[in-house]
Every structure is written in structure tokens, then in C-alpha cells.
């Protein structure tokens, strides 16, 4: 599992209560009712993780110049 997949799975578990993002070919396992505030929290967590990744890459680039 890639780092991105791990991050997205962790967000899904922590913010949405979704055990896995893998397709399980079962409607009851693959479709979830999610409150909008939980979805917002998950999107915000993903956005913040992207910002952090960008900051770390930027700092790494500056250190190498």
C-alpha cells in the first residue's frame, strides 16, 4: 500500500468510520452514510496533509540548494 493510500485510509477510518477504501463488491460494505460535518473533517484533513507534504518538499528543496 502506497503512502497516499495509507494516508487516505487513515483519514477514512478516523474521520468517516470507514474501515477500508478497498472495493469489497457488496453494497452494504462499499456504500456508507456519512454526515456532512464528517465529510468536511475528512476533506480538511486531506487538504492539510497535502499542505504539510508541500511544505516538507519545499523545505527539502531549499536545503538542497
C-alpha atoms as a PDB file:
ATOM      1  CA  UNK A   1       0.000   0.000   0.000  1.00  0.00           C
ATOM      2  CA  UNK A   2       1.417   3.375  -1.002  1.00  0.00           C
ATOM      3  CA  UNK A   3       1.897   6.227   1.454  1.00  0.00           C
ATOM      4  CA  UNK A   4      -1.019   8.060  -0.169  1.00  0.00           C
ATOM      5  CA  UNK A   5      -3.301   5.034   0.153  1.00  0.00           C
ATOM      6  CA  UNK A   6      -2.268   4.647   3.792  1.00  0.00           C
ATOM      7  CA  UNK A   7      -2.991   8.309   4.486  1.00  0.00           C
ATOM      8  CA  UNK A   8      -6.392   8.225   2.782  1.00  0.00           C
ATOM      9  CA  UNK A   9      -7.330   5.017   4.582  1.00  0.00           C
ATOM     10  CA  UNK A  10      -6.311   6.530   7.908  1.00  0.00           C
ATOM     11  CA  UNK A  11      -8.448   9.606   7.226  1.00  0.00           C
ATOM     12  CA  UNK A  12     -11.398   7.425   6.194  1.00  0.00           C
ATOM     13  CA  UNK A  13     -11.065   5.380   9.373  1.00  0.00           C
ATOM     14  CA  UNK A  14     -10.582   8.300  11.752  1.00  0.00           C
ATOM     15  CA  UNK A  15     -12.972  10.843  10.256  1.00  0.00           C
ATOM     16  CA  UNK A  16     -15.613   8.743   8.498  1.00  0.00           C
ATOM     17  CA  UNK A  17     -15.632   5.454  10.393  1.00  0.00           C
ATOM     18  CA  UNK A  18     -14.911   3.570   7.158  1.00  0.00           C
ATOM     19  CA  UNK A  19     -12.747   0.509   7.740  1.00  0.00           C
ATOM     20  CA  UNK A  20     -11.194   0.250   4.280  1.00  0.00           C
ATOM     21  CA  UNK A  21     -11.236   2.019   0.933  1.00  0.00           C
ATOM     22  CA  UNK A  22     -10.864  -1.266  -0.930  1.00  0.00           C
ATOM     23  CA  UNK A  23     -13.794  -2.362  -3.091  1.00  0.00           C
ATOM     24  CA  UNK A  24     -15.493  -5.328  -1.456  1.00  0.00           C
ATOM     25  CA  UNK A  25     -18.241  -5.853  -4.040  1.00  0.00           C
ATOM     26  CA  UNK A  26     -21.045  -5.540  -1.528  1.00  0.00           C
ATOM     27  CA  UNK A  27     -23.379  -2.567  -1.335  1.00  0.00           C
ATOM     28  CA  UNK A  28     -23.547  -2.789   2.444  1.00  0.00           C
ATOM     29  CA  UNK A  29     -19.743  -2.659   2.658  1.00  0.00           C
ATOM     30  CA  UNK A  30     -18.949  -0.283  -0.218  1.00  0.00           C
ATOM     31  CA  UNK A  31     -21.572   2.437   0.342  1.00  0.00           C
ATOM     32  CA  UNK A  32     -21.716   4.491   3.534  1.00  0.00           C
ATOM     33  CA  UNK A  33     -23.983   7.136   5.016  1.00  0.00           C
ATOM     34  CA  UNK A  34     -21.712   9.948   6.119  1.00  0.00           C
ATOM     35  CA  UNK A  35     -22.657  13.131   7.932  1.00  0.00           C
ATOM     36  CA  UNK A  36     -21.654  16.278   6.077  1.00  0.00           C
ATOM     37  CA  UNK A  37     -19.585  17.503   9.032  1.00  0.00           C
ATOM     38  CA  UNK A  38     -17.618  14.229   8.980  1.00  0.00           C
ATOM     39  CA  UNK A  39     -17.069  14.588   5.247  1.00  0.00           C
ATOM     40  CA  UNK A  40     -15.892  18.162   5.809  1.00  0.00           C
ATOM     41  CA  UNK A  41     -13.468  16.970   8.507  1.00  0.00           C
ATOM     42  CA  UNK A  42     -12.102  14.293   6.164  1.00  0.00           C
ATOM     43  CA  UNK A  43     -11.640  16.756   3.307  1.00  0.00           C
ATOM     44  CA  UNK A  44      -9.950  19.223   5.636  1.00  0.00           C
ATOM     45  CA  UNK A  45      -7.608  16.502   6.930  1.00  0.00           C
ATOM     46  CA  UNK A  46      -6.665  15.548   3.361  1.00  0.00           C
ATOM     47  CA  UNK A  47      -6.114  19.202   2.442  1.00  0.00           C
ATOM     48  CA  UNK A  48      -3.929  19.784   5.495  1.00  0.00           C
ATOM     49  CA  UNK A  49      -1.924  16.643   4.755  1.00  0.00           C
ATOM     50  CA  UNK A  50      -1.305  17.974   1.245  1.00  0.00           C
ATOM     51  CA  UNK A  51      -0.177  21.323   2.622  1.00  0.00           C
ATOM     52  CA  UNK A  52       2.197  19.578   5.009  1.00  0.00           C
ATOM     53  CA  UNK A  53       3.601  17.443   2.198  1.00  0.00           C
ATOM     54  CA  UNK A  54       4.157  20.565   0.098  1.00  0.00           C
ATOM     55  CA  UNK A  55       5.873  22.390   2.945  1.00  0.00           C
ATOM     56  CA  UNK A  56       8.163  19.438   3.594  1.00  0.00           C
ATOM     57  CA  UNK A  57       9.051  19.176  -0.095  1.00  0.00           C
ATOM     58  CA  UNK A  58       9.717  22.922  -0.248  1.00  0.00           C
ATOM     59  CA  UNK A  59      11.981  22.786   2.809  1.00  0.00           C
ATOM     60  CA  UNK A  60      13.822  19.812   1.333  1.00  0.00           C
ATOM     61  CA  UNK A  61      14.326  21.653  -1.960  1.00  0.00           C
ATOM     62  CA  UNK A  62      15.678  24.725  -0.153  1.00  0.00           C
ATOM     63  CA  UNK A  63      18.069  22.601   1.897  1.00  0.00           C
ATOM     64  CA  UNK A  64      19.468  21.066  -1.298  1.00  0.00           C
ATOM     65  CA  UNK A  65      20.251  24.419  -2.942  1.00  0.00           C
END
